[in-house]
Amino acid sequence: MTPASPGLASGHRLVVKIGSALLASEATGYIRRDWLAALVADVARCRQRGQEVVLVSSGAVAVGRGRLHLPPGPLRLEEKQAAAATGMIRLAHAYQELLAEHGITVAQVLLTLDDSEHRRRYINARNTLSTLLRLGAVPLINENDTVATNEIRFGDNDRLAARVAAMIEADTLVLLSDIDGLYSADPHTDADARFVPEVHAITPEIEAMAGTARSAVGSGGMTTKIVAARIALAAGCRMVIAHGEAPSPLSRIEDGERCTWFLPTANPQAARKRWIGGSLQAAGALVVDDGAVAALSRGKSLLPAGVIAVEGEFTRGAPVLVRSRDGRILGRGLVAYSATDARRIRGHKTSEIEACLGYRGRDEMIHRDDLALERESTRWTR
């Protein structure tokens, strides 16, 4: 392990994706409980040292097809969905039992890639996951295979895990697989395949190294992992591909077992600020008073009391400009309220929000983590 790859212990928020072949027997669909118990012990150790962990688990279809005695070979779409419905409840129960032995609460969250692309659903999913982590639970995420017809045919949990990592600003994404990293060619068919220990950018050469899935129960191969790496690096999240078949795979990564690290040039917060500041077209604007200008310059969040005008029509989570009284653009952020609600609470204290709206919303109009000030980011087109 090189100094540029500091290992898992330095991460604050980890997303761990577990491949189907690691969790379930291809022949019977039975869950490998001893292996899962060792992984859960790894998770418990990470949490004991203050790290947050999110699990993205494949395996529902593999477990379900065994329980439904479906024949070997490709399944029809409706058979895959039936297998997923049967397998996920068993899989979640196994996680619940094993995590409970360590005093850890697990929370099941079913998502689709669609949930990470539609703004309102993205905000809801992000808030739910953030709240679960704040309350000390371990979110267990799987694709909602029973309804996601496109994703079940073409999707994969590698990409979903990367979208989740970007969504919650994780700093480390771990893809546990049946291969120990990236090679210049498929090492199972090419004796001259060269192992790649570190990747700093997804170049055409790196993309050309991707192979295909070899597992009968999984939908992902190296191609999907490269796609996941592109998503993770853009979000400032480092990613590691590691062999997961042996027990305690997270401990093995920490002990220096061979794996491939994909290393970003920015941290998650910086990448998110850059995305907010330069990649999103503003849907409206908030005009703020001099007190708010001063507070923002000190790194504070924008509170309703500091807003004197709301321009445009927008929904909760939309990108908006933040302007001073004299029209100067201070920054751009993701607003916590719709334009209608923002107008109702502008100028009011946080303690008055519930009386204005009839419900208890967020304290901030724009949280500082969702705000990119002009001095923090490259200039964007107005």
Protein backbone atom coordinates (compact mmCIF):
# COMPACT_ATOMS: atom_id res chain seq x y z
CA MET A 1 0.00 0.00 0.00
CA THR A 2 1.48 3.34 -1.06
CA PRO A 3 1.27 6.58 0.93
CA ALA A 4 -1.36 7.80 -1.55
CA SER A 5 -3.58 4.87 -0.53
CA PRO A 6 -4.01 5.31 3.21
CA GLY A 7 -6.44 2.43 3.65
CA LEU A 8 -9.90 2.18 5.11
CA ALA A 9 -9.14 3.44 8.61
CA SER A 10 -8.79 7.04 7.44
CA GLY A 11 -12.29 7.11 5.94
CA HIS A 12 -15.16 8.75 7.80
CA ARG A 13 -18.12 7.48 5.80
CA LEU A 14 -17.81 4.11 4.03
CA VAL A 15 -20.11 2.55 1.46
CA VAL A 16 -19.49 -1.19 1.09
CA LYS A 17 -20.95 -3.07 -1.86
CA ILE A 18 -21.20 -6.86 -1.56
CA GLY A 19 -21.42 -8.94 -4.73
CA SER A 20 -23.95 -11.75 -5.21
CA ALA A 21 -21.37 -14.50 -5.59
CA LEU A 22 -19.89 -13.64 -2.18
CA LEU A 23 -23.19 -13.87 -0.33
CA ALA A 24 -25.01 -16.80 -1.86
CA SER A 25 -24.25 -20.21 -3.31
CA GLU A 26 -24.90 -20.23 -7.05
CA ALA A 27 -26.22 -23.79 -6.82
CA THR A 28 -28.54 -23.55 -3.81
CA GLY A 29 -29.04 -19.86 -3.09
CA TYR A 30 -28.21 -20.39 0.59
CA ILE A 31 -26.65 -17.42 2.35
CA ARG A 32 -23.03 -17.88 3.42
CA ARG A 33 -23.74 -16.92 7.03
CA ASP A 34 -20.21 -17.56 8.32
CA TRP A 35 -18.80 -15.21 5.69
CA LEU A 36 -21.50 -12.64 6.40
CA ALA A 37 -20.84 -12.87 10.14
CA ALA A 38 -17.15 -12.09 9.54
CA LEU A 39 -18.07 -9.11 7.35
CA VAL A 40 -20.46 -7.82 10.01
CA ALA A 41 -17.67 -8.09 12.59
CA ASP A 42 -15.56 -5.91 10.28
CA VAL A 43 -18.41 -3.39 10.09
CA ALA A 44 -18.75 -3.36 13.88
CA ARG A 45 -15.03 -2.68 14.25
CA CYS A 46 -15.23 0.23 11.81
CA ARG A 47 -18.11 1.72 13.76
CA GLN A 48 -16.31 1.32 17.06
CA ARG A 49 -13.58 3.65 15.83
CA GLY A 50 -16.14 6.26 14.78
CA GLN A 51 -16.74 5.42 11.13
CA GLU A 52 -20.17 5.42 9.50
CA VAL A 53 -20.97 2.44 7.26
CA VAL A 54 -23.56 1.91 4.54
CA LEU A 55 -24.05 -1.52 2.99
CA VAL A 56 -25.18 -2.00 -0.61
CA SER A 57 -25.98 -5.68 -0.91
CA SER A 58 -26.54 -7.78 -3.97
CA GLY A 59 -27.77 -11.35 -3.60
CA ALA A 60 -31.56 -11.10 -3.39
CA VAL A 61 -32.15 -12.75 -6.76
CA ALA A 62 -29.54 -15.44 -6.04
CA VAL A 63 -31.10 -16.29 -2.66
CA GLY A 64 -34.65 -16.16 -3.97
CA ARG A 65 -34.13 -18.34 -7.02
CA GLY A 66 -32.80 -21.12 -4.81
CA ARG A 67 -35.79 -20.86 -2.46
CA LEU A 68 -38.23 -20.87 -5.37
CA HIS A 69 -36.41 -23.82 -7.00
CA LEU A 70 -36.04 -21.97 -10.28
CA PRO A 71 -34.02 -23.85 -12.92
CA PRO A 72 -30.39 -22.99 -13.74
CA GLY A 73 -29.70 -20.55 -16.53
CA PRO A 74 -31.16 -17.16 -17.50
CA LEU A 75 -34.43 -16.17 -15.84
CA ARG A 76 -37.35 -14.34 -17.39
CA LEU A 77 -37.95 -10.84 -16.05
CA GLU A 78 -40.96 -11.84 -13.96
CA GLU A 79 -38.97 -14.77 -12.51
CA LYS A 80 -36.15 -12.42 -11.51
CA GLN A 81 -38.60 -10.11 -9.83
CA ALA A 82 -40.23 -12.99 -7.96
CA ALA A 83 -36.80 -14.24 -6.89
CA ALA A 84 -35.83 -10.75 -5.69
CA ALA A 85 -39.03 -10.42 -3.65
CA THR A 86 -38.41 -13.79 -2.01
CA GLY A 87 -34.68 -13.35 -1.47
CA MET A 88 -34.56 -9.82 -0.10
CA ILE A 89 -36.60 -10.60 3.01
CA ARG A 90 -34.30 -13.51 3.85
CA LEU A 91 -31.21 -11.46 3.13
CA ALA A 92 -32.37 -8.53 5.27
CA HIS A 93 -33.24 -10.90 8.11
CA ALA A 94 -29.74 -12.39 8.04
CA TYR A 95 -28.17 -8.94 8.22
CA GLN A 96 -30.52 -7.94 11.03
CA GLU A 97 -29.70 -10.98 13.16
CA LEU A 98 -25.94 -10.71 12.72
CA LEU A 99 -25.71 -6.95 13.23
CA ALA A 100 -27.93 -7.22 16.33
CA GLU A 101 -25.27 -9.44 17.91
CA HIS A 102 -23.05 -6.33 17.90
CA GLY A 103 -25.81 -4.05 19.14
CA ILE A 104 -26.22 -2.42 15.72
CA THR A 105 -29.57 -1.48 14.20
CA VAL A 106 -30.00 -2.11 10.47
CA ALA A 107 -32.44 -0.23 8.24
CA GLN A 108 -33.53 -1.55 4.87
CA VAL A 109 -33.67 0.98 2.01
CA LEU A 110 -34.78 -0.05 -1.49
CA LEU A 111 -33.63 2.28 -4.25
CA THR A 112 -33.34 2.38 -8.00
CA LEU A 113 -30.94 4.36 -10.13
CA ASP A 114 -33.99 6.43 -11.03
CA ASP A 115 -34.15 7.61 -7.41
CA SER A 116 -30.70 9.17 -7.82
CA GLU A 117 -31.66 11.03 -11.00
CA HIS A 118 -35.03 12.63 -10.10
CA ARG A 119 -34.30 15.62 -7.91
CA ARG A 120 -37.16 15.32 -5.41
CA ARG A 121 -36.63 11.59 -4.86
CA TYR A 122 -32.88 12.19 -4.63
CA ILE A 123 -33.41 14.74 -1.85
CA ASN A 124 -35.76 12.41 0.03
CA ALA A 125 -33.35 9.46 -0.25
CA ARG A 126 -30.37 11.61 0.79
CA ASN A 127 -32.22 12.99 3.82
CA THR A 128 -33.39 9.52 4.90
CA LEU A 129 -29.89 8.03 4.65
CA SER A 130 -28.31 10.99 6.42
CA THR A 131 -30.84 10.73 9.25
CA LEU A 132 -30.29 6.99 9.64
CA LEU A 133 -26.53 7.52 9.90
CA ARG A 134 -27.00 10.35 12.39
CA LEU A 135 -29.17 8.05 14.53
CA GLY A 136 -26.53 5.32 14.50
CA ALA A 137 -28.15 2.80 12.14
CA VAL A 138 -26.50 0.92 9.29
CA PRO A 139 -28.52 1.41 6.09
CA LEU A 140 -28.82 -1.77 4.04
CA ILE A 141 -29.46 -0.78 0.45
CA ASN A 142 -30.53 -2.88 -2.48
CA GLU A 143 -31.99 -2.12 -5.85
CA ASN A 144 -35.79 -2.31 -5.86
CA ASP A 145 -35.73 -5.17 -8.33
CA THR A 146 -39.39 -6.07 -7.97
CA VAL A 147 -40.48 -2.85 -9.72
CA ALA A 148 -37.37 -1.54 -11.52
CA THR A 149 -37.78 -3.31 -14.83
CA ASN A 150 -35.06 -1.43 -16.69
CA GLU A 151 -32.56 -1.66 -13.85
CA ILE A 152 -33.08 -5.39 -13.36
CA ARG A 153 -32.24 -5.98 -17.00
CA PHE A 154 -29.38 -3.53 -17.38
CA GLY A 155 -28.59 -2.19 -13.92
CA ASP A 156 -26.06 -3.24 -11.33
CA ASN A 157 -25.30 -2.55 -7.70
CA ASP A 158 -21.78 -1.30 -8.48
CA ARG A 159 -23.25 1.78 -10.12
CA LEU A 160 -25.98 2.08 -7.49
CA ALA A 161 -23.35 1.97 -4.74
CA ALA A 162 -21.39 4.75 -6.45
CA ARG A 163 -24.54 6.88 -6.78
CA VAL A 164 -25.27 6.33 -3.09
CA ALA A 165 -21.69 7.27 -2.17
CA ALA A 166 -22.02 10.50 -4.15
CA MET A 167 -25.48 11.17 -2.69
CA ILE A 168 -24.34 11.01 0.94
CA GLU A 169 -20.84 12.45 0.37
CA ALA A 170 -19.06 9.27 1.39
CA ASP A 171 -15.28 9.45 1.20
CA THR A 172 -14.68 5.73 0.58
CA LEU A 173 -16.45 3.20 -1.64
CA VAL A 174 -15.52 -0.47 -1.28
CA LEU A 175 -16.52 -2.92 -4.03
CA LEU A 176 -16.12 -6.47 -2.74
CA SER A 177 -15.96 -8.80 -5.70
CA ASP A 178 -14.66 -12.14 -6.94
CA ILE A 179 -11.52 -10.48 -8.31
CA ASP A 180 -8.81 -8.62 -6.41
CA GLY A 181 -8.66 -5.52 -8.59
CA LEU A 182 -8.13 -4.15 -12.06
CA TYR A 183 -5.93 -5.91 -14.59
CA SER A 184 -4.78 -4.87 -18.04
CA ALA A 185 -6.68 -7.92 -19.35
CA ASP A 186 -8.75 -10.76 -17.92
CA PRO A 187 -6.27 -12.65 -15.70
CA HIS A 188 -8.32 -15.84 -16.08
CA THR A 189 -7.66 -15.98 -19.81
CA ASP A 190 -4.47 -13.93 -20.26
CA ALA A 191 -1.35 -15.06 -18.41
CA ASP A 192 0.33 -11.74 -19.24
CA ALA A 193 -2.38 -9.63 -17.60
CA ARG A 194 -0.81 -6.83 -15.56
CA PHE A 195 -2.23 -5.87 -12.15
CA VAL A 196 -3.01 -2.15 -11.72
CA PRO A 197 -2.64 -1.06 -8.05
CA GLU A 198 -3.73 2.59 -8.44
CA VAL A 199 -5.83 4.62 -10.84
CA HIS A 200 -6.01 8.44 -10.75
CA ALA A 201 -8.21 9.06 -13.79
CA ILE A 202 -10.59 7.02 -15.94
CA THR A 203 -8.81 7.17 -19.29
CA PRO A 204 -9.65 5.29 -22.51
CA GLU A 205 -6.82 2.91 -21.62
CA ILE A 206 -8.42 2.13 -18.25
CA GLU A 207 -11.83 1.65 -19.89
CA ALA A 208 -10.28 -0.78 -22.37
CA MET A 209 -9.11 -3.00 -19.50
CA ALA A 210 -12.69 -3.79 -18.41
CA GLY A 211 -13.96 -7.31 -18.95
CA THR A 212 -17.33 -9.02 -18.51
CA ALA A 213 -19.15 -10.68 -15.64
CA ARG A 214 -18.17 -14.27 -14.94
CA SER A 215 -20.66 -15.03 -12.17
CA ALA A 216 -23.98 -16.69 -12.98
CA VAL A 217 -25.73 -14.81 -10.17
CA GLY A 218 -24.32 -11.32 -10.62
CA SER A 219 -25.07 -8.62 -13.18
CA GLY A 220 -21.84 -6.65 -12.84
CA GLY A 221 -18.38 -7.12 -14.33
CA MET A 222 -15.30 -4.90 -14.49
CA THR A 223 -17.11 -2.60 -16.92
CA THR A 224 -19.68 -1.67 -14.28
CA LYS A 225 -16.90 -1.13 -11.75
CA ILE A 226 -15.16 1.33 -14.06
CA VAL A 227 -18.47 3.18 -14.47
CA ALA A 228 -18.80 3.21 -10.67
CA ALA A 229 -15.26 4.55 -10.35
CA ARG A 230 -16.04 7.40 -12.73
CA ILE A 231 -19.06 8.39 -10.60
CA ALA A 232 -17.11 8.08 -7.34
CA LEU A 233 -14.07 10.07 -8.49
CA ALA A 234 -16.28 12.87 -9.83
CA ALA A 235 -17.83 13.07 -6.35
CA GLY A 236 -14.43 13.20 -4.62
CA CYS A 237 -14.85 9.66 -3.25
CA ARG A 238 -12.01 7.18 -3.43
CA MET A 239 -12.91 3.65 -4.46
CA VAL A 240 -11.30 0.28 -3.95
CA ILE A 241 -11.93 -3.01 -5.75
CA ALA A 242 -11.00 -5.96 -3.54
CA HIS A 243 -11.36 -9.72 -3.47
CA GLY A 244 -14.09 -10.58 -1.00
CA GLU A 245 -14.39 -14.36 -0.96
CA ALA A 246 -12.23 -14.95 2.11
CA PRO A 247 -13.63 -14.03 5.56
CA SER A 248 -13.14 -10.54 7.01
CA PRO A 249 -12.57 -8.78 3.67
CA LEU A 250 -12.40 -5.28 5.15
CA SER A 251 -9.71 -6.36 7.61
CA ARG A 252 -7.80 -7.91 4.74
CA ILE A 253 -7.82 -4.63 2.83
CA GLU A 254 -6.47 -2.85 5.91
CA ASP A 255 -3.77 -5.50 6.31
CA GLY A 256 -2.47 -4.72 2.84
CA GLU A 257 -4.03 -7.47 0.75
CA ARG A 258 -3.77 -6.69 -2.94
CA CYS A 259 -6.50 -4.45 -4.31
CA THR A 260 -6.93 -1.56 -6.72
CA TRP A 261 -7.48 1.97 -5.41
CA PHE A 262 -9.11 4.69 -7.52
CA LEU A 263 -8.02 8.03 -6.07
CA PRO A 264 -9.80 11.38 -6.67
CA THR A 265 -8.19 14.79 -6.94
CA ALA A 266 -10.66 16.44 -4.54
CA ASN A 267 -12.47 15.45 -1.35
CA PRO A 268 -16.27 14.87 -1.36
CA GLN A 269 -17.14 18.28 0.06
CA ALA A 270 -14.96 20.15 -2.43
CA ALA A 271 -16.32 18.08 -5.31
CA ARG A 272 -19.89 18.72 -4.20
CA LYS A 273 -19.30 22.47 -3.88
CA ARG A 274 -17.77 22.51 -7.36
CA TRP A 275 -20.79 20.64 -8.73
CA ILE A 276 -23.23 23.03 -7.06
CA GLY A 277 -21.26 26.10 -8.09
CA GLY A 278 -20.50 25.25 -11.67
CA SER A 279 -22.71 22.47 -13.00
CA LEU A 280 -26.28 23.42 -12.10
CA GLN A 281 -28.44 26.08 -13.72
CA ALA A 282 -30.15 28.28 -11.16
CA ALA A 283 -33.94 28.04 -10.94
CA GLY A 284 -34.34 31.23 -8.93
CA ALA A 285 -32.65 33.49 -6.42
CA LEU A 286 -32.68 34.49 -2.76
CA VAL A 287 -31.84 38.10 -1.90
CA VAL A 288 -30.25 38.46 1.53
CA ASP A 289 -29.62 41.31 3.98
CA ASP A 290 -26.25 42.63 5.14
CA GLY A 291 -26.30 40.46 8.27
CA ALA A 292 -26.67 37.33 6.18
CA VAL A 293 -23.84 38.47 3.87
CA ALA A 294 -21.56 38.73 6.89
CA ALA A 295 -22.70 35.36 8.28
CA LEU A 296 -22.13 33.60 4.96
CA SER A 297 -18.63 35.05 4.74
CA ARG A 298 -17.90 33.33 8.08
CA GLY A 299 -19.01 29.95 6.74
CA LYS A 300 -22.50 29.97 8.27
CA SER A 301 -25.70 28.56 6.75
CA LEU A 302 -28.34 30.86 5.27
CA LEU A 303 -31.26 31.20 7.69
CA PRO A 304 -34.78 32.40 6.75
CA ALA A 305 -34.31 35.52 8.89
CA GLY A 306 -31.63 36.78 6.52
CA VAL A 307 -33.70 36.44 3.34
CA ILE A 308 -35.49 39.61 2.19
CA ALA A 309 -36.77 38.48 -1.23
CA VAL A 310 -37.44 35.29 -3.20
CA GLU A 311 -37.19 35.38 -6.99
CA GLY A 312 -38.53 32.79 -9.43
CA GLU A 313 -40.46 29.57 -8.95
CA PHE A 314 -38.65 26.45 -7.77
CA THR A 315 -39.13 23.24 -5.82
CA ARG A 316 -37.37 22.01 -2.69
CA GLY A 317 -33.79 21.00 -3.46
CA ALA A 318 -33.49 23.24 -6.53
CA PRO A 319 -30.31 25.23 -7.19
CA VAL A 320 -30.72 28.97 -6.58
CA LEU A 321 -28.48 32.01 -6.65
CA VAL A 322 -27.81 33.95 -3.45
CA ARG A 323 -27.64 37.71 -4.04
CA SER A 324 -26.93 40.74 -1.85
CA ARG A 325 -29.18 43.82 -1.76
CA ASP A 326 -27.08 45.53 -4.45
CA GLY A 327 -27.41 42.58 -6.84
CA ARG A 328 -23.98 41.05 -6.26
CA ILE A 329 -23.96 37.24 -6.67
CA LEU A 330 -22.57 35.70 -3.48
CA GLY A 331 -22.96 32.05 -4.38
CA ARG A 332 -25.25 29.27 -5.40
CA GLY A 333 -26.92 26.61 -3.26
CA LEU A 334 -29.57 23.93 -2.96
CA VAL A 335 -32.58 25.44 -1.22
CA ALA A 336 -34.41 23.47 1.47
CA TYR A 337 -37.84 24.93 0.66
CA SER A 338 -39.99 25.52 -2.39
CA ALA A 339 -40.38 29.10 -3.60
CA THR A 340 -43.89 29.25 -2.09
CA ASP A 341 -42.72 28.14 1.35
CA ALA A 342 -39.57 30.26 1.14
CA ARG A 343 -41.71 33.36 0.67
CA ARG A 344 -43.78 32.43 3.71
CA ILE A 345 -40.81 32.10 6.04
CA ARG A 346 -38.43 34.79 4.66
CA GLY A 347 -37.48 37.25 7.35
CA HIS A 348 -38.72 34.98 10.13
CA LYS A 349 -36.75 33.38 12.93
CA THR A 350 -36.12 29.65 12.88
CA SER A 351 -38.46 29.20 15.85
CA GLU A 352 -41.31 30.67 13.77
CA ILE A 353 -41.06 28.29 10.79
CA GLU A 354 -43.64 25.82 12.08
CA ALA A 355 -46.18 28.57 12.74
CA CYS A 356 -45.68 29.95 9.22
CA LEU A 357 -45.89 26.64 7.36
CA GLY A 358 -47.87 24.35 9.61
CA TYR A 359 -45.00 21.86 9.75
CA ARG A 360 -41.49 21.79 11.20
CA GLY A 361 -39.03 22.13 8.34
CA ARG A 362 -35.26 22.54 8.31
CA ASP A 363 -33.73 25.37 10.30
CA GLU A 364 -31.73 26.60 7.32
CA MET A 365 -32.96 28.01 4.03
CA ILE A 366 -29.68 26.73 2.56
CA HIS A 367 -27.36 24.60 4.68
CA ARG A 368 -23.68 25.53 4.43
CA ASP A 369 -22.88 22.06 3.04
CA ASP A 370 -25.27 22.79 0.17
CA LEU A 371 -23.88 26.27 -0.53
CA ALA A 372 -20.98 27.14 -2.86
CA LEU A 373 -19.81 30.70 -2.36
CA GLU A 374 -18.23 32.40 -5.34
CA ARG A 375 -14.89 32.61 -3.59
CA GLU A 376 -14.96 28.82 -3.02
CA SER A 377 -15.50 27.78 -6.61
CA THR A 378 -14.51 28.55 -10.14
CA ARG A 379 -16.51 31.26 -11.87
CA TRP A 380 -19.70 29.98 -13.42
CA THR A 381 -21.76 31.27 -16.28
CA ARG A 382 -24.53 33.54 -15.03
